[in-house]
């Protein structure tokens, strides 16, 4: 409602000041009554976590091809990869072949974080990226561990953004041999993983993460009530933590892609995403 102004006060204000007051009040009223902007159209968003393994190396190329073709046949998936270049040097060329011109393969040729690259499909573009060192290698046990992350935006929908984080915890601390001597490194990885997710969440960003956690009892990266799991069991996980509500994410289904390289399947989350 426009503010009522007394005759006496109007005379004191003068015509120009009165007009400014009335105009300001009318503008505030219009802003209060302006309808909220409509949400954007939903965009399909397949996300894969894929530990390529290092045992049956002859099966790797078919596995990488199948992740590209079968994760979501009519759409290009995001992929968080693990164990790249741990069997030998062959995987980057295979990923570049099947995840080629329509992809940006972040960290695939990174000097140190190359074991956990991220494949980002068009029409998404990488607007920022970061690699975080977790801990050094242990001879005969584990290579150095890293966390990689990309902030992406949809090329046709400015403002439709999220962060994808990918990582691979060491094995044998909470699975396999259950070695207590390895738990300091695993626990540090969990702490660092939480810090990276929360750093983006506190800026209002939606965060999706992919990982081989090497812990079948893995709960959440953050412990936040809002963190959601795609898969409730297994060591290969995908979770998400909503941001400030400006971007909305919904899980619509899951899939698995057999890879036949190691004991891992590629696990697929089928999301849809939009500006709220």
C-alpha atoms as a PDB file:
ATOM      1  CA  UNK A   1       0.000   0.000   0.000  1.00  0.00           C
ATOM      2  CA  UNK A   2       1.292   3.519  -0.853  1.00  0.00           C
ATOM      3  CA  UNK A   3       2.154   5.530   2.298  1.00  0.00           C
ATOM      4  CA  UNK A   4      -0.476   8.199   3.143  1.00  0.00           C
ATOM      5  CA  UNK A   5       1.049  11.692   3.465  1.00  0.00           C
ATOM      6  CA  UNK A   6      -0.711  14.427   5.481  1.00  0.00           C
ATOM      7  CA  UNK A   7      -1.525  17.791   3.859  1.00  0.00           C
ATOM      8  CA  UNK A   8       0.720  19.576   6.376  1.00  0.00           C
ATOM      9  CA  UNK A   9       3.640  17.247   5.681  1.00  0.00           C
ATOM     10  CA  UNK A  10       3.103  17.604   1.930  1.00  0.00           C
ATOM     11  CA  UNK A  11       3.406  21.385   2.191  1.00  0.00           C
ATOM     12  CA  UNK A  12       6.611  20.981   4.230  1.00  0.00           C
ATOM     13  CA  UNK A  13       8.119  18.516   1.758  1.00  0.00           C
ATOM     14  CA  UNK A  14       7.331  20.395  -1.406  1.00  0.00           C
ATOM     15  CA  UNK A  15       6.217  18.899  -4.711  1.00  0.00           C
ATOM     16  CA  UNK A  16       9.497  17.314  -5.750  1.00  0.00           C
ATOM     17  CA  UNK A  17      10.175  15.568  -2.455  1.00  0.00           C
ATOM     18  CA  UNK A  18       6.564  14.412  -2.241  1.00  0.00           C
ATOM     19  CA  UNK A  19       6.741  12.919  -5.725  1.00  0.00           C
ATOM     20  CA  UNK A  20       9.958  11.128  -4.826  1.00  0.00           C
ATOM     21  CA  UNK A  21       8.385   9.693  -1.658  1.00  0.00           C
ATOM     22  CA  UNK A  22       5.268   8.511  -3.462  1.00  0.00           C
ATOM     23  CA  UNK A  23       7.324   7.057  -6.326  1.00  0.00           C
ATOM     24  CA  UNK A  24       9.577   5.203  -3.886  1.00  0.00           C
ATOM     25  CA  UNK A  25       6.589   3.765  -2.040  1.00  0.00           C
ATOM     26  CA  UNK A  26       4.957   2.724  -5.316  1.00  0.00           C
ATOM     27  CA  UNK A  27       8.199   1.076  -6.448  1.00  0.00           C
ATOM     28  CA  UNK A  28       8.511  -0.863  -3.202  1.00  0.00           C
ATOM     29  CA  UNK A  29       4.905  -1.976  -3.528  1.00  0.00           C
ATOM     30  CA  UNK A  30       5.503  -3.137  -7.090  1.00  0.00           C
ATOM     31  CA  UNK A  31       8.604  -5.089  -6.056  1.00  0.00           C
ATOM     32  CA  UNK A  32       6.665  -6.799  -3.261  1.00  0.00           C
ATOM     33  CA  UNK A  33       3.893  -7.772  -5.663  1.00  0.00           C
ATOM     34  CA  UNK A  34       6.171  -8.860  -8.530  1.00  0.00           C
ATOM     35  CA  UNK A  35       5.660 -12.569  -9.299  1.00  0.00           C
ATOM     36  CA  UNK A  36       8.640 -14.860  -8.682  1.00  0.00           C
ATOM     37  CA  UNK A  37      10.638 -15.869 -11.754  1.00  0.00           C
ATOM     38  CA  UNK A  38       9.642 -19.229 -13.189  1.00  0.00           C
ATOM     39  CA  UNK A  39      12.021 -22.130 -12.719  1.00  0.00           C
ATOM     40  CA  UNK A  40      14.028 -23.180 -15.774  1.00  0.00           C
ATOM     41  CA  UNK A  41      13.436 -26.397 -17.688  1.00  0.00           C
ATOM     42  CA  UNK A  42      14.833 -29.610 -16.243  1.00  0.00           C
ATOM     43  CA  UNK A  43      18.152 -30.800 -17.743  1.00  0.00           C
ATOM     44  CA  UNK A  44      19.061 -34.491 -17.628  1.00  0.00           C
ATOM     45  CA  UNK A  45      22.307 -35.058 -15.731  1.00  0.00           C
ATOM     46  CA  UNK A  46      23.895 -38.536 -15.680  1.00  0.00           C
ATOM     47  CA  UNK A  47      26.851 -38.836 -13.274  1.00  0.00           C
ATOM     48  CA  UNK A  48      29.158 -41.880 -13.112  1.00  0.00           C
ATOM     49  CA  UNK A  49      31.769 -43.074 -10.643  1.00  0.00           C
ATOM     50  CA  UNK A  50      34.148 -45.493 -12.375  1.00  0.00           C
ATOM     51  CA  UNK A  51      37.179 -47.221 -10.886  1.00  0.00           C
ATOM     52  CA  UNK A  52      38.794 -48.674 -13.986  1.00  0.00           C
ATOM     53  CA  UNK A  53      40.895 -51.181 -12.009  1.00  0.00           C
ATOM     54  CA  UNK A  54      44.251 -52.699 -12.933  1.00  0.00           C
ATOM     55  CA  UNK A  55      43.920 -56.465 -13.114  1.00  0.00           C
ATOM     56  CA  UNK A  56      42.486 -57.461 -16.514  1.00  0.00           C
ATOM     57  CA  UNK A  57      44.148 -54.679 -18.459  1.00  0.00           C
ATOM     58  CA  UNK A  58      42.969 -56.037 -21.789  1.00  0.00           C
ATOM     59  CA  UNK A  59      39.382 -55.197 -20.832  1.00  0.00           C
ATOM     60  CA  UNK A  60      40.011 -51.522 -20.137  1.00  0.00           C
ATOM     61  CA  UNK A  61      39.255 -50.081 -23.558  1.00  0.00           C
ATOM     62  CA  UNK A  62      35.918 -51.884 -23.796  1.00  0.00           C
ATOM     63  CA  UNK A  63      35.114 -50.772 -20.249  1.00  0.00           C
ATOM     64  CA  UNK A  64      35.819 -47.118 -21.018  1.00  0.00           C
ATOM     65  CA  UNK A  65      33.797 -47.357 -24.242  1.00  0.00           C
ATOM     66  CA  UNK A  66      30.893 -48.966 -22.370  1.00  0.00           C
ATOM     67  CA  UNK A  67      30.899 -46.264 -19.708  1.00  0.00           C
ATOM     68  CA  UNK A  68      30.548 -43.695 -22.486  1.00  0.00           C
ATOM     69  CA  UNK A  69      27.904 -45.583 -24.460  1.00  0.00           C
ATOM     70  CA  UNK A  70      25.860 -47.415 -21.827  1.00  0.00           C
ATOM     71  CA  UNK A  71      25.786 -45.192 -18.751  1.00  0.00           C
ATOM     72  CA  UNK A  72      22.961 -43.185 -20.342  1.00  0.00           C
ATOM     73  CA  UNK A  73      22.820 -44.041 -24.051  1.00  0.00           C
ATOM     74  CA  UNK A  74      21.107 -40.872 -25.268  1.00  0.00           C
ATOM     75  CA  UNK A  75      23.099 -38.445 -23.124  1.00  0.00           C
ATOM     76  CA  UNK A  76      26.709 -37.617 -22.366  1.00  0.00           C
ATOM     77  CA  UNK A  77      27.561 -38.513 -18.763  1.00  0.00           C
ATOM     78  CA  UNK A  78      29.852 -36.795 -16.320  1.00  0.00           C
ATOM     79  CA  UNK A  79      32.445 -39.301 -15.080  1.00  0.00           C
ATOM     80  CA  UNK A  80      34.607 -39.290 -11.968  1.00  0.00           C
ATOM     81  CA  UNK A  81      37.394 -41.780 -12.753  1.00  0.00           C
ATOM     82  CA  UNK A  82      39.670 -43.605 -10.320  1.00  0.00           C
ATOM     83  CA  UNK A  83      42.892 -45.633 -10.759  1.00  0.00           C
ATOM     84  CA  UNK A  84      43.863 -43.984 -14.025  1.00  0.00           C
ATOM     85  CA  UNK A  85      47.487 -44.773 -14.997  1.00  0.00           C
ATOM     86  CA  UNK A  86      47.908 -47.163 -12.081  1.00  0.00           C
ATOM     87  CA  UNK A  87      47.941 -50.273 -14.312  1.00  0.00           C
ATOM     88  CA  UNK A  88      50.074 -48.640 -16.998  1.00  0.00           C
ATOM     89  CA  UNK A  89      50.000 -45.506 -19.144  1.00  0.00           C
ATOM     90  CA  UNK A  90      47.252 -46.637 -21.523  1.00  0.00           C
ATOM     91  CA  UNK A  91      44.078 -45.164 -20.043  1.00  0.00           C
ATOM     92  CA  UNK A  92      44.440 -41.446 -20.934  1.00  0.00           C
ATOM     93  CA  UNK A  93      44.522 -42.198 -24.662  1.00  0.00           C
ATOM     94  CA  UNK A  94      41.486 -44.474 -24.311  1.00  0.00           C
ATOM     95  CA  UNK A  95      39.531 -41.856 -22.370  1.00  0.00           C
ATOM     96  CA  UNK A  96      40.523 -39.195 -24.900  1.00  0.00           C
ATOM     97  CA  UNK A  97      39.260 -41.432 -27.708  1.00  0.00           C
ATOM     98  CA  UNK A  98      35.813 -42.183 -26.290  1.00  0.00           C
ATOM     99  CA  UNK A  99      35.409 -38.960 -24.322  1.00  0.00           C
ATOM    100  CA  UNK A 100      36.759 -36.808 -27.112  1.00  0.00           C
ATOM    101  CA  UNK A 101      35.815 -33.464 -28.723  1.00  0.00           C
ATOM    102  CA  UNK A 102      32.485 -33.186 -26.880  1.00  0.00           C
ATOM    103  CA  UNK A 103      34.275 -33.448 -23.527  1.00  0.00           C
ATOM    104  CA  UNK A 104      36.719 -31.606 -21.352  1.00  0.00           C
ATOM    105  CA  UNK A 105      38.789 -34.205 -19.470  1.00  0.00           C
ATOM    106  CA  UNK A 106      39.990 -32.293 -16.431  1.00  0.00           C
ATOM    107  CA  UNK A 107      43.165 -33.560 -14.718  1.00  0.00           C
ATOM    108  CA  UNK A 108      43.656 -36.392 -17.237  1.00  0.00           C
ATOM    109  CA  UNK A 109      47.176 -35.122 -17.945  1.00  0.00           C
ATOM    110  CA  UNK A 110      47.710 -33.347 -14.630  1.00  0.00           C
ATOM    111  CA  UNK A 111      51.233 -33.686 -13.281  1.00  0.00           C
ATOM    112  CA  UNK A 112      50.178 -35.160  -9.929  1.00  0.00           C
ATOM    113  CA  UNK A 113      46.374 -35.608  -9.662  1.00  0.00           C
ATOM    114  CA  UNK A 114      46.028 -37.679 -12.862  1.00  0.00           C
ATOM    115  CA  UNK A 115      44.710 -40.785 -11.057  1.00  0.00           C
ATOM    116  CA  UNK A 116      41.339 -39.145 -10.403  1.00  0.00           C
ATOM    117  CA  UNK A 117      40.374 -37.146 -13.522  1.00  0.00           C
ATOM    118  CA  UNK A 118      36.878 -35.895 -14.324  1.00  0.00           C
ATOM    119  CA  UNK A 119      35.185 -36.022 -17.741  1.00  0.00           C
ATOM    120  CA  UNK A 120      32.881 -33.032 -18.308  1.00  0.00           C
ATOM    121  CA  UNK A 121      30.505 -33.158 -21.307  1.00  0.00           C
ATOM    122  CA  UNK A 122      29.185 -30.360 -23.473  1.00  0.00           C
ATOM    123  CA  UNK A 123      27.094 -28.251 -23.084  1.00  0.00           C
ATOM    124  CA  UNK A 124      28.649 -27.903 -19.623  1.00  0.00           C
ATOM    125  CA  UNK A 125      31.807 -25.828 -19.325  1.00  0.00           C
ATOM    126  CA  UNK A 126      34.456 -25.862 -16.613  1.00  0.00           C
ATOM    127  CA  UNK A 127      34.615 -22.421 -15.012  1.00  0.00           C
ATOM    128  CA  UNK A 128      37.049 -23.360 -12.240  1.00  0.00           C
ATOM    129  CA  UNK A 129      39.042 -26.395 -11.133  1.00  0.00           C
ATOM    130  CA  UNK A 130      41.208 -27.396  -8.205  1.00  0.00           C
ATOM    131  CA  UNK A 131      43.290 -30.353  -7.021  1.00  0.00           C
ATOM    132  CA  UNK A 132      43.932 -30.900  -3.309  1.00  0.00           C
ATOM    133  CA  UNK A 133      46.770 -33.085  -2.015  1.00  0.00           C
ATOM    134  CA  UNK A 134      45.662 -35.446   0.763  1.00  0.00           C
ATOM    135  CA  UNK A 135      48.659 -37.594   1.728  1.00  0.00           C
ATOM    136  CA  UNK A 136      51.812 -39.111   0.265  1.00  0.00           C
ATOM    137  CA  UNK A 137      52.371 -42.614  -1.013  1.00  0.00           C
ATOM    138  CA  UNK A 138      53.247 -45.678   1.061  1.00  0.00           C
ATOM    139  CA  UNK A 139      55.512 -48.167  -0.667  1.00  0.00           C
ATOM    140  CA  UNK A 140      53.687 -51.324  -1.677  1.00  0.00           C
ATOM    141  CA  UNK A 141      50.413 -49.973  -0.238  1.00  0.00           C
ATOM    142  CA  UNK A 142      49.168 -46.810  -1.911  1.00  0.00           C
ATOM    143  CA  UNK A 143      50.181 -44.037  -4.295  1.00  0.00           C
ATOM    144  CA  UNK A 144      49.727 -40.406  -3.197  1.00  0.00           C
ATOM    145  CA  UNK A 145      46.076 -39.459  -2.827  1.00  0.00           C
ATOM    146  CA  UNK A 146      44.369 -36.384  -4.262  1.00  0.00           C
ATOM    147  CA  UNK A 147      40.922 -34.803  -4.452  1.00  0.00           C
ATOM    148  CA  UNK A 148      39.946 -33.182  -7.763  1.00  0.00           C
ATOM    149  CA  UNK A 149      37.066 -30.805  -8.317  1.00  0.00           C
ATOM    150  CA  UNK A 150      35.450 -28.814 -11.117  1.00  0.00           C
ATOM    151  CA  UNK A 151      32.891 -26.024 -10.968  1.00  0.00           C
ATOM    152  CA  UNK A 152      30.729 -26.242 -14.091  1.00  0.00           C
ATOM    153  CA  UNK A 153      28.062 -24.093 -15.738  1.00  0.00           C
ATOM    154  CA  UNK A 154      25.546 -24.948 -18.465  1.00  0.00           C
ATOM    155  CA  UNK A 155      26.462 -23.060 -21.635  1.00  0.00           C
ATOM    156  CA  UNK A 156      22.840 -22.394 -22.616  1.00  0.00           C
ATOM    157  CA  UNK A 157      21.600 -21.552 -19.108  1.00  0.00           C
ATOM    158  CA  UNK A 158      23.874 -19.091 -17.324  1.00  0.00           C
ATOM    159  CA  UNK A 159      23.502 -19.537 -13.598  1.00  0.00           C
ATOM    160  CA  UNK A 160      22.854 -23.269 -13.809  1.00  0.00           C
ATOM    161  CA  UNK A 161      25.983 -24.355 -11.926  1.00  0.00           C
ATOM    162  CA  UNK A 162      27.275 -27.041  -9.613  1.00  0.00           C
ATOM    163  CA  UNK A 163      30.544 -28.503  -8.325  1.00  0.00           C
ATOM    164  CA  UNK A 164      31.673 -32.076  -8.970  1.00  0.00           C
ATOM    165  CA  UNK A 165      34.310 -33.549  -6.639  1.00  0.00           C
ATOM    166  CA  UNK A 166      36.099 -36.849  -7.292  1.00  0.00           C
ATOM    167  CA  UNK A 167      38.493 -38.907  -5.169  1.00  0.00           C
ATOM    168  CA  UNK A 168      39.802 -42.366  -4.234  1.00  0.00           C
ATOM    169  CA  UNK A 169      40.593 -43.385  -0.658  1.00  0.00           C
ATOM    170  CA  UNK A 170      43.351 -45.913   0.094  1.00  0.00           C
ATOM    171  CA  UNK A 171      42.357 -49.563   0.537  1.00  0.00           C
ATOM    172  CA  UNK A 172      42.952 -51.799   3.546  1.00  0.00           C
ATOM    173  CA  UNK A 173      42.127 -49.408   6.374  1.00  0.00           C
ATOM    174  CA  UNK A 174      38.400 -50.138   6.696  1.00  0.00           C
ATOM    175  CA  UNK A 175      38.082 -52.955   4.167  1.00  0.00           C
ATOM    176  CA  UNK A 176      40.249 -55.884   3.122  1.00  0.00           C
ATOM    177  CA  UNK A 177      42.903 -56.492   5.746  1.00  0.00           C
ATOM    178  CA  UNK A 178      41.403 -53.852   8.100  1.00  0.00           C
ATOM    179  CA  UNK A 179      44.859 -52.553   8.984  1.00  0.00           C
ATOM    180  CA  UNK A 180      44.722 -50.024  11.867  1.00  0.00           C
ATOM    181  CA  UNK A 181      48.084 -48.611  10.783  1.00  0.00           C
ATOM    182  CA  UNK A 182      46.440 -47.209   7.635  1.00  0.00           C
ATOM    183  CA  UNK A 183      43.575 -45.480   9.371  1.00  0.00           C
ATOM    184  CA  UNK A 184      45.388 -42.202  10.000  1.00  0.00           C
ATOM    185  CA  UNK A 185      45.695 -41.714   6.236  1.00  0.00           C
ATOM    186  CA  UNK A 186      42.124 -42.810   5.539  1.00  0.00           C
ATOM    187  CA  UNK A 187      40.763 -40.564   8.312  1.00  0.00           C
ATOM    188  CA  UNK A 188      42.789 -37.610   7.009  1.00  0.00           C
ATOM    189  CA  UNK A 189      41.290 -38.232   3.571  1.00  0.00           C
ATOM    190  CA  UNK A 190      37.780 -38.193   5.036  1.00  0.00           C
ATOM    191  CA  UNK A 191      38.529 -34.939   6.882  1.00  0.00           C
ATOM    192  CA  UNK A 192      39.938 -33.302   3.745  1.00  0.00           C
ATOM    193  CA  UNK A 193      37.025 -34.551   1.636  1.00  0.00           C
ATOM    194  CA  UNK A 194      34.597 -32.954   4.083  1.00  0.00           C
ATOM    195  CA  UNK A 195      36.501 -29.674   4.011  1.00  0.00           C
ATOM    196  CA  UNK A 196      36.388 -29.496   0.216  1.00  0.00           C
ATOM    197  CA  UNK A 197      32.664 -30.268  -0.008  1.00  0.00           C
ATOM    198  CA  UNK A 198      31.834 -27.785   2.752  1.00  0.00           C
ATOM    199  CA  UNK A 199      33.995 -25.040   1.225  1.00  0.00           C
ATOM    200  CA  UNK A 200      31.722 -25.015  -1.823  1.00  0.00           C
ATOM    201  CA  UNK A 201      28.516 -25.632   0.133  1.00  0.00           C
ATOM    202  CA  UNK A 202      29.215 -22.596   2.317  1.00  0.00           C
ATOM    203  CA  UNK A 203      29.407 -20.469  -0.844  1.00  0.00           C
ATOM    204  CA  UNK A 204      25.915 -21.639  -1.742  1.00  0.00           C
ATOM    205  CA  UNK A 205      26.917 -24.187  -4.394  1.00  0.00           C
ATOM    206  CA  UNK A 206      25.307 -27.538  -5.040  1.00  0.00           C
ATOM    207  CA  UNK A 207      28.014 -30.207  -4.675  1.00  0.00           C
ATOM    208  CA  UNK A 208      27.967 -33.718  -6.179  1.00  0.00           C
ATOM    209  CA  UNK A 209      30.806 -36.068  -5.294  1.00  0.00           C
ATOM    210  CA  UNK A 210      32.033 -39.362  -6.749  1.00  0.00           C
ATOM    211  CA  UNK A 211      34.494 -41.691  -5.025  1.00  0.00           C
ATOM    212  CA  UNK A 212      35.860 -45.118  -4.371  1.00  0.00           C
ATOM    213  CA  UNK A 213      35.693 -44.860  -0.578  1.00  0.00           C
ATOM    214  CA  UNK A 214      37.238 -48.280   0.178  1.00  0.00           C
ATOM    215  CA  UNK A 215      34.884 -48.547   3.149  1.00  0.00           C
ATOM    216  CA  UNK A 216      31.602 -50.472   2.760  1.00  0.00           C
ATOM    217  CA  UNK A 217      30.268 -48.778   5.910  1.00  0.00           C
ATOM    218  CA  UNK A 218      30.917 -45.275   4.569  1.00  0.00           C
ATOM    219  CA  UNK A 219      28.313 -42.806   5.810  1.00  0.00           C
ATOM    220  CA  UNK A 220      28.592 -39.266   4.431  1.00  0.00           C
ATOM    221  CA  UNK A 221      31.477 -37.032   3.476  1.00  0.00           C
ATOM    222  CA  UNK A 222      30.122 -34.147   5.550  1.00  0.00           C
ATOM    223  CA  UNK A 223      27.768 -35.478   8.225  1.00  0.00           C
ATOM    224  CA  UNK A 224      25.292 -32.763   7.172  1.00  0.00           C
ATOM    225  CA  UNK A 225      21.571 -33.595   7.386  1.00  0.00           C
ATOM    226  CA  UNK A 226      21.144 -32.371   3.831  1.00  0.00           C
ATOM    227  CA  UNK A 227      23.718 -34.715   2.280  1.00  0.00           C
ATOM    228  CA  UNK A 228      21.974 -37.347   0.178  1.00  0.00           C
ATOM    229  CA  UNK A 229      23.231 -40.765  -0.921  1.00  0.00           C
ATOM    230  CA  UNK A 230      22.627 -42.272  -4.336  1.00  0.00           C
ATOM    231  CA  UNK A 231      23.856 -45.674  -3.128  1.00  0.00           C
ATOM    232  CA  UNK A 232      23.475 -46.863   0.454  1.00  0.00           C
ATOM    233  CA  UNK A 233      26.096 -49.614   0.265  1.00  0.00           C
ATOM    234  CA  UNK A 234      29.255 -50.646  -1.547  1.00  0.00           C
ATOM    235  CA  UNK A 235      32.557 -48.799  -1.710  1.00  0.00           C
ATOM    236  CA  UNK A 236      31.810 -46.868  -4.929  1.00  0.00           C
ATOM    237  CA  UNK A 237      29.609 -43.944  -3.983  1.00  0.00           C
ATOM    238  CA  UNK A 238      27.885 -40.843  -5.337  1.00  0.00           C
ATOM    239  CA  UNK A 239      26.429 -38.286  -2.902  1.00  0.00           C
ATOM    240  CA  UNK A 240      25.155 -34.734  -3.190  1.00  0.00           C
ATOM    241  CA  UNK A 241      24.737 -31.776  -0.866  1.00  0.00           C
ATOM    242  CA  UNK A 242      22.339 -28.978  -1.927  1.00  0.00           C
ATOM    243  CA  UNK A 243      23.481 -25.374  -1.884  1.00  0.00           C
ATOM    244  CA  UNK A 244      21.470 -22.202  -1.318  1.00  0.00           C
ATOM    245  CA  UNK A 245      18.437 -23.469  -3.250  1.00  0.00           C
ATOM    246  CA  UNK A 246      19.088 -21.507  -6.440  1.00  0.00           C
ATOM    247  CA  UNK A 247      19.808 -24.788  -8.231  1.00  0.00           C
ATOM    248  CA  UNK A 248      17.536 -27.797  -7.742  1.00  0.00           C
ATOM    249  CA  UNK A 249      18.666 -31.418  -8.179  1.00  0.00           C
ATOM    250  CA  UNK A 250      16.533 -34.559  -8.199  1.00  0.00           C
ATOM    251  CA  UNK A 251      17.585 -38.209  -8.453  1.00  0.00           C
ATOM    252  CA  UNK A 252      15.437 -40.054 -11.002  1.00  0.00           C
ATOM    253  CA  UNK A 253      17.169 -43.443 -11.199  1.00  0.00           C
ATOM    254  CA  UNK A 254      20.366 -45.502 -11.019  1.00  0.00           C
ATOM    255  CA  UNK A 255      22.236 -47.924 -13.248  1.00  0.00           C
ATOM    256  CA  UNK A 256      25.409 -49.993 -13.293  1.00  0.00           C
ATOM    257  CA  UNK A 257      27.791 -50.620 -16.187  1.00  0.00           C
ATOM    258  CA  UNK A 258      29.878 -53.840 -16.022  1.00  0.00           C
ATOM    259  CA  UNK A 259      33.558 -53.170 -16.727  1.00  0.00           C
ATOM    260  CA  UNK A 260      35.221 -56.613 -16.243  1.00  0.00           C
ATOM    261  CA  UNK A 261      38.592 -55.076 -15.424  1.00  0.00           C
ATOM    262  CA  UNK A 262      38.554 -55.418 -11.664  1.00  0.00           C
ATOM    263  CA  UNK A 263      35.862 -56.034  -9.052  1.00  0.00           C
ATOM    264  CA  UNK A 264      34.202 -52.665  -9.766  1.00  0.00           C
ATOM    265  CA  UNK A 265      31.181 -51.801 -11.828  1.00  0.00           C
ATOM    266  CA  UNK A 266      30.689 -48.229 -12.978  1.00  0.00           C
ATOM    267  CA  UNK A 267      27.803 -46.878 -10.904  1.00  0.00           C
ATOM    268  CA  UNK A 268      25.467 -44.345 -12.501  1.00  0.00           C
ATOM    269  CA  UNK A 269      23.221 -41.709 -10.917  1.00  0.00           C
ATOM    270  CA  UNK A 270      20.539 -40.332 -13.221  1.00  0.00           C
ATOM    271  CA  UNK A 271      19.720 -36.822 -12.039  1.00  0.00           C
ATOM    272  CA  UNK A 272      17.770 -33.907 -13.395  1.00  0.00           C
ATOM    273  CA  UNK A 273      18.814 -30.353 -12.612  1.00  0.00           C
ATOM    274  CA  UNK A 274      17.385 -26.853 -13.082  1.00  0.00           C
ATOM    275  CA  UNK A 275      17.525 -23.280 -11.831  1.00  0.00           C
ATOM    276  CA  UNK A 276      14.898 -23.042  -9.098  1.00  0.00           C
END
